[in-house]
């Protein structure tokens, strides 16, 4: 009831509905990213490099325009940002690889599994067992993941491996969040995104070259749409709107991503979802919402 009151209070504000539309539009823009990763004629890791590199000057302008400093950041903070950025680069690399191997709906759900990983990590730090909604989130997560991975294995071994790559991406994203949780307090959101891109781009380029991927695209359209939709519109709208809503609303809005990805997968790539697939998506999606709503108390 308390959350419901907070939501109604937020929406009753003059720009409340604008923030909600920005939140939903940001999630939809991010959900379209995997489509253009598949269309890019570079390698998947190369596409991750370009989506960050091309957005870098625009992020710097946004940081400057909002008065966020790009210099004068303590050296210790930058070291943690560099470590977190490496995890973020690995997150994008493994996710982009998985996108090409599994269904778009699975890739989106497993790629967002970082909140569930953080829930598990919180119990480890607190040395406690989950209870109530926390336990329900874990049961839903394990059940949904088992169903989706089992269905992937029925399709092909490659599809299951794609799921595992996307799940690894969720783990890397959780490490990224944990590493930067203190840095976020002293650096503006846009400034932090600039520094993350500065450190992550060389890692992604080195990985792409190491894997022997084609880096320079012959058709720039998918790459340009990818960086505009994911890094500028998607990230920009989320930075603009996230601070205005409680975790429950953010978690529910997140569910638009697998829904949109599943629709694109069906319409563009002929990826058909059976009732068992939908059950797995509902369970894992519910776990993502509950994981954002419940956090174990840790010191």
Protein backbone atom coordinates (compact mmCIF):
# COMPACT_ATOMS: atom_id res chain seq x y z
CA UNK A 1 0.00 0.00 0.00
CA UNK A 2 2.87 2.36 0.79
CA UNK A 3 4.41 1.78 -2.65
CA UNK A 4 1.04 2.26 -4.30
CA UNK A 5 0.61 5.60 -2.56
CA UNK A 6 4.07 6.69 -3.66
CA UNK A 7 3.32 5.74 -7.26
CA UNK A 8 0.05 7.66 -7.28
CA UNK A 9 1.74 10.67 -5.71
CA UNK A 10 4.46 10.61 -8.38
CA UNK A 11 1.97 10.31 -11.25
CA UNK A 12 -0.15 13.11 -9.82
CA UNK A 13 2.75 15.53 -10.16
CA UNK A 14 2.69 17.85 -13.22
CA UNK A 15 5.36 15.84 -15.06
CA UNK A 16 4.67 12.45 -13.47
CA UNK A 17 3.24 10.89 -16.61
CA UNK A 18 6.14 12.29 -18.61
CA UNK A 19 8.59 10.43 -16.36
CA UNK A 20 6.55 7.22 -16.71
CA UNK A 21 6.49 7.50 -20.51
CA UNK A 22 10.26 8.15 -20.48
CA UNK A 23 10.79 5.05 -18.33
CA UNK A 24 8.74 2.84 -20.66
CA UNK A 25 10.24 4.34 -23.83
CA UNK A 26 13.76 3.82 -22.47
CA UNK A 27 13.06 0.13 -21.86
CA UNK A 28 11.53 -0.27 -25.33
CA UNK A 29 14.57 1.38 -26.94
CA UNK A 30 16.92 -0.94 -25.05
CA UNK A 31 14.83 -3.97 -26.05
CA UNK A 32 15.41 -3.13 -29.72
CA UNK A 33 19.19 -3.30 -29.29
CA UNK A 34 19.56 -7.08 -29.83
CA UNK A 35 17.76 -6.78 -33.16
CA UNK A 36 20.46 -4.45 -34.53
CA UNK A 37 23.26 -6.50 -32.97
CA UNK A 38 22.11 -9.37 -35.19
CA UNK A 39 21.83 -7.13 -38.25
CA UNK A 40 25.32 -5.65 -37.88
CA UNK A 41 27.88 -7.02 -40.34
CA UNK A 42 30.66 -6.61 -37.79
CA UNK A 43 31.30 -9.20 -35.10
CA UNK A 44 29.09 -9.03 -31.99
CA UNK A 45 31.88 -7.71 -29.75
CA UNK A 46 32.81 -5.14 -32.41
CA UNK A 47 29.18 -3.96 -32.38
CA UNK A 48 29.48 -3.49 -28.61
CA UNK A 49 32.61 -1.40 -29.16
CA UNK A 50 30.90 0.87 -31.68
CA UNK A 51 27.77 1.37 -29.57
CA UNK A 52 29.94 2.81 -26.79
CA UNK A 53 32.56 4.59 -28.88
CA UNK A 54 30.09 6.47 -31.09
CA UNK A 55 28.03 7.59 -28.11
CA UNK A 56 31.06 8.89 -26.19
CA UNK A 57 31.11 12.51 -27.51
CA UNK A 58 27.36 12.86 -27.02
CA UNK A 59 27.62 11.61 -23.43
CA UNK A 60 30.43 14.10 -22.80
CA UNK A 61 28.24 16.94 -24.11
CA UNK A 62 25.38 15.83 -21.86
CA UNK A 63 27.72 15.74 -18.87
CA UNK A 64 28.98 19.24 -19.65
CA UNK A 65 25.49 20.52 -20.33
CA UNK A 66 24.23 19.32 -16.95
CA UNK A 67 27.24 20.75 -15.10
CA UNK A 68 28.83 17.40 -14.25
CA UNK A 69 32.61 17.48 -13.96
CA UNK A 70 34.68 15.18 -16.16
CA UNK A 71 37.95 16.02 -14.44
CA UNK A 72 39.14 16.29 -10.86
CA UNK A 73 37.86 12.81 -9.98
CA UNK A 74 39.97 11.15 -7.25
CA UNK A 75 42.46 8.58 -8.50
CA UNK A 76 41.08 5.87 -6.20
CA UNK A 77 37.60 6.42 -7.62
CA UNK A 78 38.91 6.17 -11.18
CA UNK A 79 40.60 2.87 -10.34
CA UNK A 80 37.28 1.41 -9.22
CA UNK A 81 35.60 2.87 -12.30
CA UNK A 82 38.23 1.18 -14.48
CA UNK A 83 37.61 -2.18 -12.78
CA UNK A 84 33.85 -1.79 -13.07
CA UNK A 85 34.18 -0.70 -16.70
CA UNK A 86 36.11 -3.87 -17.51
CA UNK A 87 33.23 -5.89 -16.04
CA UNK A 88 30.80 -3.81 -18.10
CA UNK A 89 32.82 -4.49 -21.26
CA UNK A 90 32.68 -8.22 -20.50
CA UNK A 91 28.95 -7.86 -19.88
CA UNK A 92 28.37 -6.33 -23.32
CA UNK A 93 30.75 -8.76 -25.04
CA UNK A 94 29.19 -11.92 -23.61
CA UNK A 95 25.66 -10.58 -24.07
CA UNK A 96 26.22 -9.66 -27.72
CA UNK A 97 27.71 -13.09 -28.40
CA UNK A 98 24.75 -14.77 -26.72
CA UNK A 99 22.26 -12.66 -28.70
CA UNK A 100 23.42 -14.31 -31.89
CA UNK A 101 23.02 -17.81 -30.46
CA UNK A 102 19.74 -17.83 -28.52
CA UNK A 103 16.26 -16.38 -28.82
CA UNK A 104 15.88 -12.62 -28.31
CA UNK A 105 13.44 -13.05 -25.42
CA UNK A 106 15.85 -15.34 -23.56
CA UNK A 107 18.79 -13.04 -24.27
CA UNK A 108 16.93 -10.06 -22.82
CA UNK A 109 15.73 -11.88 -19.70
CA UNK A 110 19.07 -13.51 -18.86
CA UNK A 111 20.96 -10.33 -19.70
CA UNK A 112 18.91 -8.50 -17.05
CA UNK A 113 19.57 -11.16 -14.40
CA UNK A 114 22.00 -8.90 -12.56
CA UNK A 115 19.37 -7.92 -9.96
CA UNK A 116 18.87 -11.61 -9.07
CA UNK A 117 22.65 -12.08 -8.78
CA UNK A 118 22.76 -9.11 -6.41
CA UNK A 119 19.99 -10.71 -4.35
CA UNK A 120 22.05 -13.89 -3.97
CA UNK A 121 25.15 -11.84 -3.14
CA UNK A 122 23.27 -9.98 -0.44
CA UNK A 123 22.40 -13.24 1.32
CA UNK A 124 26.01 -14.36 1.16
CA UNK A 125 27.20 -11.11 2.75
CA UNK A 126 24.45 -11.16 5.36
CA UNK A 127 25.03 -14.88 6.04
CA UNK A 128 21.29 -15.37 6.12
CA UNK A 129 18.68 -17.43 4.33
CA UNK A 130 15.98 -15.91 2.12
CA UNK A 131 12.49 -15.56 3.55
CA UNK A 132 9.11 -14.49 2.24
CA UNK A 133 9.26 -12.63 -1.07
CA UNK A 134 13.03 -13.13 -1.19
CA UNK A 135 12.63 -16.91 -1.20
CA UNK A 136 9.80 -16.62 -3.73
CA UNK A 137 12.04 -14.56 -6.05
CA UNK A 138 14.74 -17.24 -5.92
CA UNK A 139 12.27 -20.08 -6.55
CA UNK A 140 10.78 -18.19 -9.50
CA UNK A 141 14.25 -17.40 -10.87
CA UNK A 142 15.48 -20.99 -10.67
CA UNK A 143 12.22 -22.39 -12.04
CA UNK A 144 12.01 -19.91 -14.91
CA UNK A 145 15.68 -20.34 -15.85
CA UNK A 146 15.35 -24.14 -15.78
CA UNK A 147 12.31 -24.05 -18.08
CA UNK A 148 13.86 -21.61 -20.56
CA UNK A 149 17.20 -23.43 -20.67
CA UNK A 150 15.46 -26.79 -21.01
CA UNK A 151 13.49 -25.46 -23.97
CA UNK A 152 16.70 -24.02 -25.47
CA UNK A 153 18.37 -27.42 -25.21
CA UNK A 154 15.41 -28.94 -27.08
CA UNK A 155 16.08 -26.49 -29.92
CA UNK A 156 19.87 -26.97 -30.08
CA UNK A 157 23.00 -27.08 -27.95
CA UNK A 158 24.04 -23.75 -29.46
CA UNK A 159 20.85 -22.10 -28.19
CA UNK A 160 21.57 -23.33 -24.66
CA UNK A 161 25.14 -22.03 -24.89
CA UNK A 162 23.67 -18.69 -25.96
CA UNK A 163 21.55 -18.67 -22.80
CA UNK A 164 24.67 -19.30 -20.72
CA UNK A 165 26.52 -16.44 -22.42
CA UNK A 166 23.62 -14.08 -21.64
CA UNK A 167 23.47 -15.34 -18.06
CA UNK A 168 27.21 -14.66 -17.75
CA UNK A 169 26.46 -11.15 -18.99
CA UNK A 170 23.99 -10.69 -16.12
CA UNK A 171 26.69 -11.80 -13.68
CA UNK A 172 29.20 -9.33 -15.17
CA UNK A 173 26.63 -6.55 -14.91
CA UNK A 174 26.11 -7.32 -11.22
CA UNK A 175 29.89 -7.07 -10.69
CA UNK A 176 29.83 -3.75 -12.55
CA UNK A 177 27.10 -2.40 -10.25
CA UNK A 178 28.83 -3.63 -7.09
CA UNK A 179 32.16 -2.13 -8.11
CA UNK A 180 30.69 1.28 -8.89
CA UNK A 181 28.21 1.60 -6.03
CA UNK A 182 30.48 4.06 -4.17
CA UNK A 183 31.63 5.89 -7.31
CA UNK A 184 28.01 6.66 -8.17
CA UNK A 185 27.70 8.77 -5.02
CA UNK A 186 30.41 11.23 -6.04
CA UNK A 187 30.09 11.31 -9.85
CA UNK A 188 27.13 12.47 -11.89
CA UNK A 189 25.33 9.84 -13.97
CA UNK A 190 26.44 11.29 -17.32
CA UNK A 191 30.01 11.83 -16.18
CA UNK A 192 30.16 8.25 -14.92
CA UNK A 193 28.87 6.93 -18.26
CA UNK A 194 31.60 8.90 -20.04
CA UNK A 195 34.37 7.39 -17.91
CA UNK A 196 32.88 3.90 -18.15
CA UNK A 197 32.90 4.21 -21.95
CA UNK A 198 36.48 5.54 -21.95
CA UNK A 199 37.72 2.50 -20.02
CA UNK A 200 35.42 -0.09 -21.64
CA UNK A 201 36.03 0.79 -25.30
CA UNK A 202 39.70 -0.35 -25.43
CA UNK A 203 38.76 -3.61 -23.70
CA UNK A 204 36.02 -4.32 -26.25
CA UNK A 205 38.23 -3.42 -29.21
CA UNK A 206 41.03 -5.66 -27.92
CA UNK A 207 38.57 -8.54 -27.42
CA UNK A 208 37.13 -8.10 -30.92
CA UNK A 209 40.60 -8.16 -32.48
CA UNK A 210 41.62 -11.13 -30.35
CA UNK A 211 38.56 -13.05 -31.56
CA UNK A 212 39.39 -12.17 -35.16
CA UNK A 213 36.11 -10.33 -35.71
CA UNK A 214 35.55 -7.85 -38.54
CA UNK A 215 35.59 -4.48 -36.80
CA UNK A 216 34.90 -1.94 -39.55
CA UNK A 217 31.28 -2.22 -40.78
CA UNK A 218 30.44 -2.11 -44.48
CA UNK A 219 26.84 -1.14 -43.67
CA UNK A 220 26.77 1.50 -40.93
CA UNK A 221 22.97 1.61 -40.56
CA UNK A 222 22.54 -1.15 -37.90
CA UNK A 223 25.52 0.18 -35.91
CA UNK A 224 24.24 3.76 -35.98
CA UNK A 225 20.70 2.73 -34.99
CA UNK A 226 22.16 0.52 -32.23
CA UNK A 227 24.16 3.30 -30.61
CA UNK A 228 21.35 5.86 -30.97
CA UNK A 229 18.61 3.57 -29.63
CA UNK A 230 20.57 1.84 -26.87
CA UNK A 231 23.19 4.31 -25.65
CA UNK A 232 21.56 7.67 -26.34
CA UNK A 233 17.79 7.19 -26.25
CA UNK A 234 17.57 4.11 -24.01
CA UNK A 235 20.20 5.06 -21.44
CA UNK A 236 19.28 8.74 -21.66
CA UNK A 237 15.61 8.21 -20.89
CA UNK A 238 16.42 5.84 -18.02
CA UNK A 239 18.87 8.31 -16.46
CA UNK A 240 16.15 10.97 -16.82
CA UNK A 241 13.37 8.88 -15.26
CA UNK A 242 14.72 6.21 -12.89
CA UNK A 243 15.18 8.42 -9.84
CA UNK A 244 11.48 9.32 -9.86
CA UNK A 245 10.11 5.82 -9.21
CA UNK A 246 10.35 3.10 -6.52
CA UNK A 247 11.99 -0.27 -7.34
CA UNK A 248 8.63 -1.99 -7.91
CA UNK A 249 7.67 0.33 -10.78
CA UNK A 250 11.16 0.10 -12.27
CA UNK A 251 11.00 -3.71 -12.13
CA UNK A 252 7.57 -3.79 -13.76
CA UNK A 253 8.71 -1.41 -16.50
CA UNK A 254 11.70 -3.70 -17.08
CA UNK A 255 9.28 -6.43 -18.21
CA UNK A 256 8.56 -4.44 -21.36
CA UNK A 257 12.02 -5.44 -22.58
CA UNK A 258 11.48 -9.23 -22.90
CA UNK A 259 7.97 -8.60 -24.24
CA UNK A 260 9.24 -6.32 -27.01
CA UNK A 261 12.21 -8.64 -27.69
CA UNK A 262 9.87 -11.64 -28.00
CA UNK A 263 7.67 -9.72 -30.45
CA UNK A 264 10.69 -8.73 -32.58
CA UNK A 265 12.00 -12.29 -32.41
CA UNK A 266 8.67 -13.63 -33.69
CA UNK A 267 8.03 -11.01 -36.38
CA UNK A 268 11.58 -10.67 -37.75
CA UNK A 269 13.34 -13.94 -36.98
CA UNK A 270 10.44 -16.40 -36.76
CA UNK A 271 11.14 -17.30 -33.11
CA UNK A 272 7.95 -19.00 -31.92
CA UNK A 273 7.22 -19.21 -28.18
CA UNK A 274 5.29 -22.19 -26.84
CA UNK A 275 3.14 -21.98 -23.67
CA UNK A 276 6.01 -23.54 -21.68
CA UNK A 277 8.33 -20.74 -22.91
CA UNK A 278 5.82 -18.13 -21.79
CA UNK A 279 5.57 -19.79 -18.36
CA UNK A 280 9.36 -19.66 -18.00
CA UNK A 281 9.39 -15.99 -19.04
CA UNK A 282 6.64 -15.14 -16.56
CA UNK A 283 8.48 -16.88 -13.71
CA UNK A 284 11.84 -15.30 -14.49
CA UNK A 285 10.26 -11.90 -15.13
CA UNK A 286 8.44 -12.09 -11.79
CA UNK A 287 11.73 -12.96 -10.12
CA UNK A 288 13.32 -9.83 -11.63
CA UNK A 289 10.53 -7.67 -10.23
CA UNK A 290 10.69 -9.27 -6.78
CA UNK A 291 14.50 -9.04 -6.73
CA UNK A 292 14.31 -5.28 -7.25
CA UNK A 293 11.62 -4.96 -4.60
CA UNK A 294 13.37 -7.03 -1.90
CA UNK A 295 16.93 -6.56 -0.72
CA UNK A 296 18.47 -8.51 2.16
CA UNK A 297 19.78 -6.24 4.90
CA UNK A 298 23.55 -6.17 4.77
CA UNK A 299 26.08 -4.01 6.42
